[in-house]
Amino acid sequence: MFRMNLLDNYLKKYTRMSERELSHTVQSNMWFTPVLYVLFSSLLVTATLTSDLKYDLGNQMRPFFAVDYDLTLALVGTLTAAILTLTTFTFNLILVVFTTFSGQFSPRMLKNFIASKSTQRVLGIFTSSFVYMLLSFILLNKRMAEYYFAVPVIAALIAVVSMGTFIFFINHAVAWLQVNQMTHDMKKEALSIVKSTLEDEVDPYKVNDLTTVNSEICESKGNTIIAGKSGFIQLVDFISIIKEAKKDDIVIRLEYTIGSYVFASTPFLTYWKKGENEIDEQKYLSLISIGRRQTEVQDIEFSINKLVEVAIRSLGNFDPKTATNAIYQLGEVLASISRGSIFSKYLVDENNNLRVVLEERDFNHYLYNAFGYIRHYAKDNVIVCTEILKVLDLMAKSLNKRDYNAVWEFGVFTASGFENLFLFTLDDQQFHRALHNLAITTKHEKEFEAFMEKEKQNRA
């Protein structure tokens, strides 16, 4: 009874997920792809044994090629043990990769390695190969067939494929551990989330001109809905919320954003009614997923934080090259956010009526989350901070002009407090040249001159 309830709860968990959330959950689990491969291997066992046992294919192929029962049994038994050994070694290698990543970079990146299609396919091939060998070994029958053809041939081919897969996996693990490849993959993931969440899902409903939105209703006291469940906000179905808000003729405000942690008693949503109709509050809660951990489905900041952690860990391990690489990848993600996003907290329906109010987010927020922590942990590292200024300048060349001030102000914040930390004249020149280039790109030449004048006064 307990097992049935557990299975029922497990199935309900997946049936309640949205398509995007289910896809992400499946990709981040190690069991799904191997299960598919095992099912295929079971069908293959059925086909080969049917060919040899029922249709006596081995006896028919004797003039060309056939293996007797004893040799087939020895072959399949040996390959069963060999493939199990390879599978065990592969799992040990995965654990080594996990340990290395956790210690040197970030434990949050382990999911990226697990979710890799190559990793899951390798595990699927090994698991299904072992299952094929084991089932064949158990079901071989001397009374029904003296000679075999399909079973030994397929077993030999599977052994060759397994060996090639093992070599491929060694190369895959080594390549994935390379810093450039790792940070590039993380950047691609972040860019994908920016496009799917901001540009494709939310931005079409945002308004540029706030004067066209009647937001006065939000100044009055509204009705609050508590979260009812503790955890991280993982997924928000913005489109469905807008549609339901239009049906109920209400304006709803999300008090917290994706990635925030809320308590069960936290006032989570606030809504304002324009009529006297009854509102099904539970309906809106069901459109927002709250779980025990953060996920990358819609959480842009969580994806950015992975790169930030790589940079910070690299600074702690005295690896400035890795930190610099992560900083440049962050710069590309931020440039994409600036170019493609509309920083407005108001979402409207197709009739331009205000329906959803979000927690306010601007480019400053993403910029600080990306580089603020790195700047803090870099402390007196002039070289790394010079690289931050260079990345800011590179970003500014492709940013939306509205974000020039934010980038320049962060550059000044980064440059502050370094007047006594330059060990060599070249440090001073490189640092202030990078800041000067940033000033030219963002049209803040006068502010740069004022900053340099203040620096001279401090040194004097």
Protein backbone atom coordinates (compact mmCIF):
# COMPACT_ATOMS: atom_id res chain seq x y z
CA MET A 1 0.00 0.00 0.00
CA PHE A 2 2.83 2.36 0.91
CA ARG A 3 4.60 1.62 -2.37
CA MET A 4 1.43 2.27 -4.36
CA ASN A 5 0.96 5.65 -2.65
CA LEU A 6 4.59 6.51 -3.27
CA LEU A 7 4.29 5.62 -6.96
CA ASP A 8 1.04 7.57 -7.24
CA ASN A 9 2.64 10.68 -5.70
CA TYR A 10 5.62 10.28 -8.01
CA LEU A 11 3.41 10.13 -11.09
CA LYS A 12 1.34 13.12 -9.94
CA LYS A 13 4.54 15.13 -9.53
CA TYR A 14 5.39 14.68 -13.21
CA THR A 15 1.85 15.04 -14.57
CA ARG A 16 1.50 18.42 -12.86
CA MET A 17 4.65 19.79 -14.48
CA SER A 18 4.53 22.10 -17.46
CA GLU A 19 6.12 20.99 -20.72
CA ARG A 20 9.25 23.09 -20.17
CA GLU A 21 9.66 22.00 -16.56
CA LEU A 22 9.15 18.34 -17.47
CA SER A 23 11.68 18.59 -20.30
CA HIS A 24 14.26 20.14 -17.96
CA THR A 25 13.62 17.53 -15.25
CA VAL A 26 14.01 14.68 -17.70
CA GLN A 27 17.23 16.09 -19.14
CA SER A 28 18.78 16.65 -15.68
CA ASN A 29 18.10 13.06 -14.52
CA MET A 30 20.46 10.20 -15.26
CA TRP A 31 17.81 7.49 -15.43
CA PHE A 32 15.61 8.54 -18.35
CA THR A 33 17.93 7.92 -21.32
CA PRO A 34 19.35 4.62 -19.91
CA VAL A 35 15.79 3.35 -19.39
CA LEU A 36 15.00 3.99 -23.07
CA TYR A 37 18.16 2.17 -24.11
CA VAL A 38 17.34 -0.77 -21.81
CA LEU A 39 13.88 -1.08 -23.38
CA PHE A 40 15.49 -1.15 -26.82
CA SER A 41 17.98 -3.82 -25.70
CA SER A 42 15.10 -5.92 -24.35
CA LEU A 43 13.44 -5.78 -27.76
CA LEU A 44 16.75 -6.69 -29.37
CA VAL A 45 17.14 -9.72 -27.08
CA THR A 46 13.63 -10.84 -28.00
CA ALA A 47 14.37 -10.50 -31.72
CA THR A 48 17.71 -12.33 -31.64
CA LEU A 49 16.55 -15.18 -29.41
CA THR A 50 13.41 -15.62 -31.48
CA SER A 51 15.55 -15.85 -34.62
CA ASP A 52 17.84 -18.49 -33.13
CA LEU A 53 15.46 -20.47 -30.91
CA LYS A 54 12.20 -20.39 -32.85
CA TYR A 55 13.37 -20.10 -36.44
CA ASP A 56 16.66 -22.02 -35.92
CA LEU A 57 18.66 -19.34 -37.75
CA GLY A 58 21.96 -20.73 -36.47
CA ASN A 59 21.41 -24.13 -38.06
CA GLN A 60 20.35 -22.51 -41.34
CA MET A 61 23.55 -20.41 -41.42
CA ARG A 62 25.91 -23.34 -40.71
CA PRO A 63 27.36 -23.44 -44.23
CA PHE A 64 28.42 -19.80 -43.84
CA PHE A 65 28.77 -19.01 -40.14
CA ALA A 66 27.36 -20.47 -36.93
CA VAL A 67 28.48 -20.86 -33.32
CA ASP A 68 27.56 -23.87 -31.21
CA TYR A 69 25.85 -23.57 -27.85
CA ASP A 70 28.96 -23.92 -25.64
CA LEU A 71 30.93 -21.27 -27.49
CA THR A 72 27.93 -18.90 -27.54
CA LEU A 73 27.45 -19.36 -23.80
CA ALA A 74 31.14 -18.72 -23.10
CA LEU A 75 31.17 -15.65 -25.37
CA VAL A 76 28.06 -14.07 -23.85
CA GLY A 77 29.17 -14.90 -20.28
CA THR A 78 32.60 -13.33 -20.82
CA LEU A 79 31.14 -10.20 -22.43
CA THR A 80 28.64 -9.84 -19.57
CA ALA A 81 31.46 -9.59 -17.05
CA ALA A 82 33.56 -7.35 -19.33
CA ILE A 83 30.78 -4.84 -19.99
CA LEU A 84 29.88 -4.75 -16.29
CA THR A 85 33.52 -3.88 -15.57
CA LEU A 86 33.47 -1.11 -18.19
CA THR A 87 30.21 0.24 -16.77
CA THR A 88 31.63 0.27 -13.24
CA PHE A 89 34.77 2.04 -14.41
CA THR A 90 32.67 4.60 -16.25
CA PHE A 91 30.64 5.38 -13.15
CA ASN A 92 33.87 5.75 -11.16
CA LEU A 93 35.12 8.19 -13.78
CA ILE A 94 31.91 10.20 -13.46
CA LEU A 95 32.41 10.37 -9.68
CA VAL A 96 35.96 11.65 -10.22
CA VAL A 97 34.61 14.35 -12.54
CA PHE A 98 31.97 15.28 -9.96
CA THR A 99 34.55 15.55 -7.19
CA THR A 100 36.85 17.68 -9.32
CA PHE A 101 34.07 20.05 -10.30
CA SER A 102 32.76 20.40 -6.76
CA GLY A 103 36.19 21.17 -5.35
CA GLN A 104 37.62 23.47 -7.99
CA PHE A 105 34.63 25.18 -9.54
CA SER A 106 31.04 24.85 -8.38
CA PRO A 107 28.78 21.97 -7.30
CA ARG A 108 25.98 23.60 -9.29
CA MET A 109 27.75 22.67 -12.51
CA LEU A 110 27.40 18.94 -11.87
CA LYS A 111 23.91 19.04 -13.32
CA ASN A 112 25.34 20.40 -16.58
CA PHE A 113 27.56 17.33 -16.91
CA ILE A 114 24.70 14.96 -16.05
CA ALA A 115 22.36 16.73 -18.47
CA SER A 116 24.89 16.41 -21.26
CA LYS A 117 23.43 14.19 -23.98
CA SER A 118 26.79 12.54 -24.48
CA THR A 119 27.00 11.51 -20.81
CA GLN A 120 23.47 10.10 -20.79
CA ARG A 121 23.95 8.22 -24.06
CA VAL A 122 27.16 6.63 -22.82
CA LEU A 123 25.42 5.40 -19.67
CA GLY A 124 22.50 4.22 -21.79
CA ILE A 125 24.75 2.22 -24.12
CA PHE A 126 26.64 0.54 -21.27
CA THR A 127 23.50 -0.25 -19.29
CA SER A 128 21.61 -1.62 -22.28
CA SER A 129 24.64 -3.65 -23.40
CA PHE A 130 24.91 -5.28 -20.00
CA VAL A 131 21.18 -6.03 -19.95
CA TYR A 132 21.39 -7.59 -23.43
CA MET A 133 24.29 -9.85 -22.42
CA LEU A 134 22.69 -10.84 -19.13
CA LEU A 135 19.31 -11.71 -20.62
CA SER A 136 20.93 -13.61 -23.48
CA PHE A 137 23.09 -15.56 -21.03
CA ILE A 138 20.04 -16.52 -18.94
CA LEU A 139 17.75 -17.42 -21.86
CA LEU A 140 20.16 -19.47 -23.99
CA ASN A 141 18.76 -23.00 -24.31
CA LYS A 142 20.71 -25.99 -25.63
CA ARG A 143 17.63 -28.17 -26.02
CA MET A 144 15.93 -25.70 -28.35
CA ALA A 145 18.94 -24.85 -30.49
CA GLU A 146 22.37 -26.42 -30.89
CA TYR A 147 23.76 -23.66 -33.10
CA TYR A 148 23.35 -19.87 -32.85
CA PHE A 149 23.89 -17.00 -35.27
CA ALA A 150 21.96 -13.84 -34.28
CA VAL A 151 22.88 -13.90 -30.57
CA PRO A 152 26.70 -14.17 -30.92
CA VAL A 153 26.88 -11.78 -33.87
CA ILE A 154 24.85 -9.07 -32.13
CA ALA A 155 26.79 -9.68 -28.90
CA ALA A 156 30.10 -9.18 -30.72
CA LEU A 157 28.85 -6.00 -32.39
CA ILE A 158 27.58 -4.64 -29.05
CA ALA A 159 30.99 -5.38 -27.49
CA VAL A 160 32.71 -3.39 -30.24
CA VAL A 161 30.25 -0.50 -29.82
CA SER A 162 30.78 -0.55 -26.04
CA MET A 163 34.54 -0.36 -26.41
CA GLY A 164 34.24 2.54 -28.84
CA THR A 165 31.79 4.24 -26.49
CA PHE A 166 34.23 3.89 -23.60
CA ILE A 167 37.00 5.58 -25.62
CA PHE A 168 34.55 8.30 -26.64
CA PHE A 169 33.53 8.86 -23.01
CA ILE A 170 37.14 9.28 -21.88
CA ASN A 171 37.58 11.94 -24.57
CA HIS A 172 34.23 13.54 -23.65
CA ALA A 173 35.10 13.78 -19.95
CA VAL A 174 38.54 15.26 -20.67
CA ALA A 175 37.10 17.77 -23.17
CA TRP A 176 34.27 18.76 -20.81
CA LEU A 177 36.76 19.45 -18.01
CA GLN A 178 38.56 22.01 -20.16
CA VAL A 179 37.74 25.44 -18.81
CA ASN A 180 37.07 27.07 -22.18
CA GLN A 181 34.57 24.39 -23.19
CA MET A 182 32.92 24.38 -19.78
CA THR A 183 32.38 28.15 -19.59
CA HIS A 184 31.27 28.21 -23.23
CA ASP A 185 28.56 25.63 -22.51
CA MET A 186 27.41 27.59 -19.46
CA LYS A 187 27.25 30.77 -21.54
CA LYS A 188 25.13 29.00 -24.18
CA GLU A 189 22.77 27.83 -21.46
CA ALA A 190 22.44 31.37 -20.07
CA LEU A 191 21.84 32.84 -23.54
CA SER A 192 19.16 30.23 -24.20
CA ILE A 193 17.35 31.19 -20.98
CA VAL A 194 17.59 34.90 -21.85
CA LYS A 195 16.00 34.27 -25.23
CA SER A 196 13.26 31.88 -24.08
CA THR A 197 12.29 33.69 -20.86
CA LEU A 198 12.86 37.37 -21.54
CA GLU A 199 12.74 37.86 -25.29
CA ASP A 200 10.19 35.23 -26.37
CA GLU A 201 7.91 34.79 -23.36
CA VAL A 202 7.77 38.00 -21.31
CA ASP A 203 8.93 40.89 -23.50
CA PRO A 204 6.05 40.65 -26.05
CA TYR A 205 3.66 41.64 -23.23
CA LYS A 206 5.76 44.44 -21.77
CA VAL A 207 5.12 48.10 -22.50
CA ASN A 208 7.78 50.65 -23.39
CA ASP A 209 5.64 53.73 -22.80
CA LEU A 210 4.46 53.69 -19.19
CA THR A 211 2.11 56.61 -19.82
CA THR A 212 -0.15 54.24 -21.76
CA VAL A 213 -0.64 52.02 -18.71
CA ASN A 214 -3.13 52.88 -16.01
CA SER A 215 -1.17 51.73 -12.95
CA GLU A 216 -3.04 53.87 -10.41
CA ILE A 217 -5.06 50.85 -9.29
CA CYS A 218 -1.87 49.36 -7.82
CA GLU A 219 -1.57 52.28 -5.39
CA SER A 220 -4.66 51.18 -3.47
CA LYS A 221 -4.80 48.28 -1.05
CA GLY A 222 -5.17 44.95 -2.80
CA ASN A 223 -6.01 41.39 -1.86
CA THR A 224 -3.05 39.21 -0.91
CA ILE A 225 -2.47 35.52 -1.57
CA ILE A 226 0.03 33.65 0.57
CA ALA A 227 2.42 31.17 -1.02
CA GLY A 228 1.12 28.15 0.91
CA LYS A 229 4.42 26.35 0.30
CA SER A 230 8.04 27.04 1.17
CA GLY A 231 10.79 26.90 -1.42
CA PHE A 232 12.33 28.58 -4.44
CA ILE A 233 10.20 30.02 -7.21
CA GLN A 234 11.16 27.78 -10.14
CA LEU A 235 8.72 28.54 -12.91
CA VAL A 236 6.06 31.16 -13.67
CA ASP A 237 3.57 30.67 -16.50
CA PHE A 238 3.31 34.34 -17.42
CA ILE A 239 1.17 33.82 -20.50
CA SER A 240 -1.47 31.80 -18.65
CA ILE A 241 -1.52 34.30 -15.78
CA ILE A 242 -2.18 37.13 -18.24
CA LYS A 243 -5.00 35.16 -19.87
CA GLU A 244 -6.61 34.27 -16.54
CA ALA A 245 -6.25 37.84 -15.27
CA LYS A 246 -8.02 39.06 -18.39
CA LYS A 247 -10.89 36.61 -17.83
CA ASP A 248 -11.27 37.69 -14.20
CA ASP A 249 -10.66 41.37 -15.09
CA ILE A 250 -8.01 41.86 -12.41
CA VAL A 251 -4.49 43.23 -12.09
CA ILE A 252 -2.09 40.89 -10.31
CA ARG A 253 1.33 41.69 -8.88
CA LEU A 254 4.09 39.16 -8.23
CA GLU A 255 5.80 40.21 -5.01
CA TYR A 256 8.84 38.03 -5.70
CA THR A 257 10.72 37.03 -8.81
CA ILE A 258 11.94 33.72 -10.19
CA GLY A 259 14.73 32.30 -8.03
CA SER A 260 13.53 33.98 -4.82
CA TYR A 261 12.92 31.90 -1.70
CA VAL A 262 9.50 32.24 -0.06
CA PHE A 263 7.94 30.86 3.10
CA ALA A 264 4.56 29.17 3.20
CA SER A 265 3.18 32.20 5.06
CA THR A 266 4.76 34.79 2.74
CA PRO A 267 2.36 37.24 1.01
CA PHE A 268 3.13 36.01 -2.46
CA LEU A 269 0.66 37.65 -4.83
CA THR A 270 -1.44 40.79 -4.67
CA TYR A 271 -4.41 41.44 -6.92
CA TRP A 272 -6.90 44.22 -7.50
CA LYS A 273 -10.43 43.52 -8.73
CA LYS A 274 -12.28 45.85 -11.08
CA GLY A 275 -15.62 44.22 -10.37
CA GLU A 276 -17.34 42.14 -7.72
CA ASN A 277 -16.68 38.74 -9.26
CA GLU A 278 -15.23 35.94 -7.17
CA ILE A 279 -11.57 35.08 -7.77
CA ASP A 280 -10.18 31.56 -7.61
CA GLU A 281 -6.90 32.32 -5.85
CA GLN A 282 -5.68 28.73 -6.01
CA LYS A 283 -5.80 28.91 -9.80
CA TYR A 284 -3.06 31.53 -9.85
CA LEU A 285 -0.92 29.67 -7.34
CA SER A 286 -1.08 26.59 -9.57
CA LEU A 287 0.49 28.59 -12.40
CA ILE A 288 3.62 29.20 -10.32
CA SER A 289 5.93 26.33 -9.43
CA ILE A 290 7.70 26.36 -6.05
CA GLY A 291 10.30 23.69 -5.27
CA ARG A 292 13.11 22.78 -2.93
CA ARG A 293 15.89 23.89 -5.25
CA GLN A 294 16.64 26.48 -7.88
CA THR A 295 16.45 25.45 -11.52
CA GLU A 296 17.67 26.99 -14.75
CA VAL A 297 14.35 26.72 -16.59
CA GLN A 298 13.58 30.44 -16.26
CA ASP A 299 16.09 31.64 -13.67
CA ILE A 300 18.56 33.83 -15.56
CA GLU A 301 20.38 34.94 -12.41
CA PHE A 302 20.96 31.34 -11.31
CA SER A 303 22.55 30.55 -14.66
CA ILE A 304 24.70 33.69 -14.43
CA ASN A 305 25.75 32.78 -10.89
CA LYS A 306 27.33 29.58 -12.17
CA LEU A 307 29.81 31.60 -14.20
CA VAL A 308 30.30 33.97 -11.26
CA GLU A 309 31.16 31.04 -8.98
CA VAL A 310 33.68 29.73 -11.51
CA ALA A 311 35.38 33.13 -11.56
CA ILE A 312 35.40 33.46 -7.75
CA ARG A 313 36.68 29.90 -7.18
CA SER A 314 39.38 30.50 -9.79
CA LEU A 315 40.52 33.63 -7.96
CA GLY A 316 40.71 31.63 -4.74
CA ASN A 317 42.78 28.95 -6.52
CA PHE A 318 45.13 31.59 -7.99
CA ASP A 319 43.94 30.88 -11.53
CA PRO A 320 43.39 34.33 -13.09
CA LYS A 321 43.12 32.95 -16.64
CA THR A 322 40.06 30.90 -15.78
CA ALA A 323 38.56 33.87 -13.94
CA THR A 324 39.18 36.10 -16.97
CA ASN A 325 37.56 33.55 -19.29
CA ALA A 326 34.44 33.42 -17.10
CA ILE A 327 34.32 37.24 -16.98
CA TYR A 328 34.30 37.49 -20.77
CA GLN A 329 31.53 34.88 -21.05
CA LEU A 330 29.50 36.89 -18.52
CA GLY A 331 30.03 39.99 -20.61
CA GLU A 332 28.48 38.34 -23.66
CA VAL A 333 25.45 37.22 -21.63
CA LEU A 334 24.93 40.75 -20.25
CA ALA A 335 25.28 42.28 -23.71
CA SER A 336 22.55 39.93 -24.94
CA ILE A 337 20.28 40.96 -22.05
CA SER A 338 20.81 44.64 -22.81
CA ARG A 339 20.18 44.34 -26.56
CA GLY A 340 17.16 42.07 -26.46
CA SER A 341 15.27 42.91 -23.27
CA ILE A 342 12.67 45.50 -22.40
CA PHE A 343 13.17 46.58 -18.79
CA SER A 344 9.58 47.22 -17.81
CA LYS A 345 7.68 45.65 -14.94
CA TYR A 346 4.23 46.05 -16.57
CA LEU A 347 2.68 43.26 -18.64
CA VAL A 348 -0.46 43.99 -20.66
CA ASP A 349 -2.95 41.89 -22.62
CA GLU A 350 -3.65 42.24 -26.34
CA ASN A 351 -6.02 45.15 -25.61
CA ASN A 352 -3.21 47.04 -23.84
CA ASN A 353 -4.88 46.63 -20.44
CA LEU A 354 -2.55 46.19 -17.48
CA ARG A 355 -2.72 42.63 -16.15
CA VAL A 356 0.55 41.73 -14.39
CA VAL A 357 3.07 43.77 -12.41
CA LEU A 358 6.50 42.20 -11.90
CA GLU A 359 9.26 42.94 -9.44
CA GLU A 360 11.36 45.64 -11.05
CA ARG A 361 14.56 44.54 -12.75
CA ASP A 362 16.88 46.76 -14.79
CA PHE A 363 20.29 46.29 -16.40
CA ASN A 364 22.00 47.56 -13.24
CA HIS A 365 20.63 44.55 -11.39
CA TYR A 366 22.07 41.98 -13.78
CA LEU A 367 25.34 43.91 -14.10
CA TYR A 368 25.89 43.98 -10.35
CA ASN A 369 24.94 40.32 -9.91
CA ALA A 370 27.43 39.34 -12.59
CA PHE A 371 30.45 41.50 -11.76
CA GLY A 372 29.75 42.87 -8.27
CA TYR A 373 30.72 39.68 -6.46
CA ILE A 374 33.78 39.18 -8.67
CA ARG A 375 34.91 42.75 -7.97
CA HIS A 376 34.47 42.15 -4.25
CA TYR A 377 36.51 38.94 -4.19
CA ALA A 378 39.16 40.32 -6.53
CA LYS A 379 39.84 42.96 -3.85
CA ASP A 380 43.35 44.27 -4.55
CA ASN A 381 43.92 42.28 -7.74
CA VAL A 382 44.62 45.07 -10.21
CA ILE A 383 45.07 42.73 -13.17
CA VAL A 384 41.68 41.05 -12.80
CA CYS A 385 39.94 44.40 -12.25
CA THR A 386 41.65 45.70 -15.39
CA GLU A 387 40.12 42.75 -17.26
CA ILE A 388 36.70 43.68 -15.84
CA LEU A 389 37.12 47.19 -17.27
CA LYS A 390 38.13 45.74 -20.64
CA VAL A 391 35.06 43.50 -20.67
CA LEU A 392 32.84 46.44 -19.76
CA ASP A 393 34.27 48.36 -22.72
CA LEU A 394 33.75 45.38 -25.03
CA MET A 395 30.18 45.05 -23.77
CA ALA A 396 29.47 48.75 -24.20
CA LYS A 397 30.27 48.54 -27.90
CA SER A 398 27.21 46.32 -28.40
CA LEU A 399 24.91 47.48 -25.59
CA ASN A 400 21.69 49.38 -25.85
CA LYS A 401 22.66 53.04 -25.37
CA ARG A 402 20.23 53.38 -22.48
CA ASP A 403 22.61 51.22 -20.42
CA TYR A 404 25.74 53.32 -21.00
CA ASN A 405 25.39 55.12 -17.68
CA ALA A 406 25.03 51.87 -15.77
CA VAL A 407 28.20 50.44 -17.33
CA TRP A 408 30.20 53.63 -16.77
CA GLU A 409 29.12 53.92 -13.14
CA PHE A 410 30.10 50.32 -12.51
CA GLY A 411 33.44 50.98 -14.18
CA VAL A 412 34.06 53.90 -11.83
CA PHE A 413 33.01 51.73 -8.89
CA THR A 414 35.54 49.11 -10.04
CA ALA A 415 38.30 51.69 -10.47
CA SER A 416 37.80 53.34 -7.08
CA GLY A 417 40.41 52.69 -4.40
CA PHE A 418 43.30 51.52 -6.57
CA GLU A 419 45.54 54.59 -6.46
CA ASN A 420 47.98 53.00 -3.96
CA LEU A 421 47.87 49.44 -5.31
CA PHE A 422 49.77 49.77 -8.59
CA LEU A 423 53.03 47.86 -8.18
CA PHE A 424 54.40 48.92 -11.56
CA THR A 425 53.91 51.85 -13.88
CA LEU A 426 52.56 49.45 -16.49
CA ASP A 427 49.76 48.45 -14.08
CA ASP A 428 48.76 52.10 -13.81
CA GLN A 429 48.86 52.61 -17.57
CA GLN A 430 46.88 49.49 -18.46
CA PHE A 431 44.27 50.14 -15.79
CA HIS A 432 43.54 53.74 -16.68
CA ARG A 433 43.76 53.05 -20.42
CA ALA A 434 40.98 50.49 -20.01
CA LEU A 435 38.90 52.99 -18.03
CA HIS A 436 39.58 55.68 -20.66
CA ASN A 437 38.44 53.38 -23.47
CA LEU A 438 35.26 52.66 -21.51
CA ALA A 439 34.67 56.40 -21.10
CA ILE A 440 35.02 56.96 -24.85
CA THR A 441 32.65 54.10 -25.71
CA THR A 442 29.98 55.24 -23.23
CA LYS A 443 30.42 58.99 -24.01
CA HIS A 444 31.71 59.90 -20.54
CA GLU A 445 35.02 61.57 -21.41
CA LYS A 446 34.39 64.55 -19.11
CA GLU A 447 33.57 62.27 -16.21
CA PHE A 448 36.83 60.40 -16.87
CA GLU A 449 38.82 63.61 -16.73
CA ALA A 450 37.13 64.51 -13.43
CA PHE A 451 37.92 61.04 -12.09
CA MET A 452 41.60 61.34 -13.06
CA GLU A 453 41.81 64.80 -11.50
CA LYS A 454 40.43 63.40 -8.28
CA GLU A 455 42.99 60.58 -8.45
CA LYS A 456 45.83 63.12 -8.76
CA GLN A 457 44.54 65.02 -5.75
CA ASN A 458 44.38 61.85 -3.67
CA ARG A 459 47.93 60.90 -4.60
CA ALA A 460 49.19 64.35 -3.76
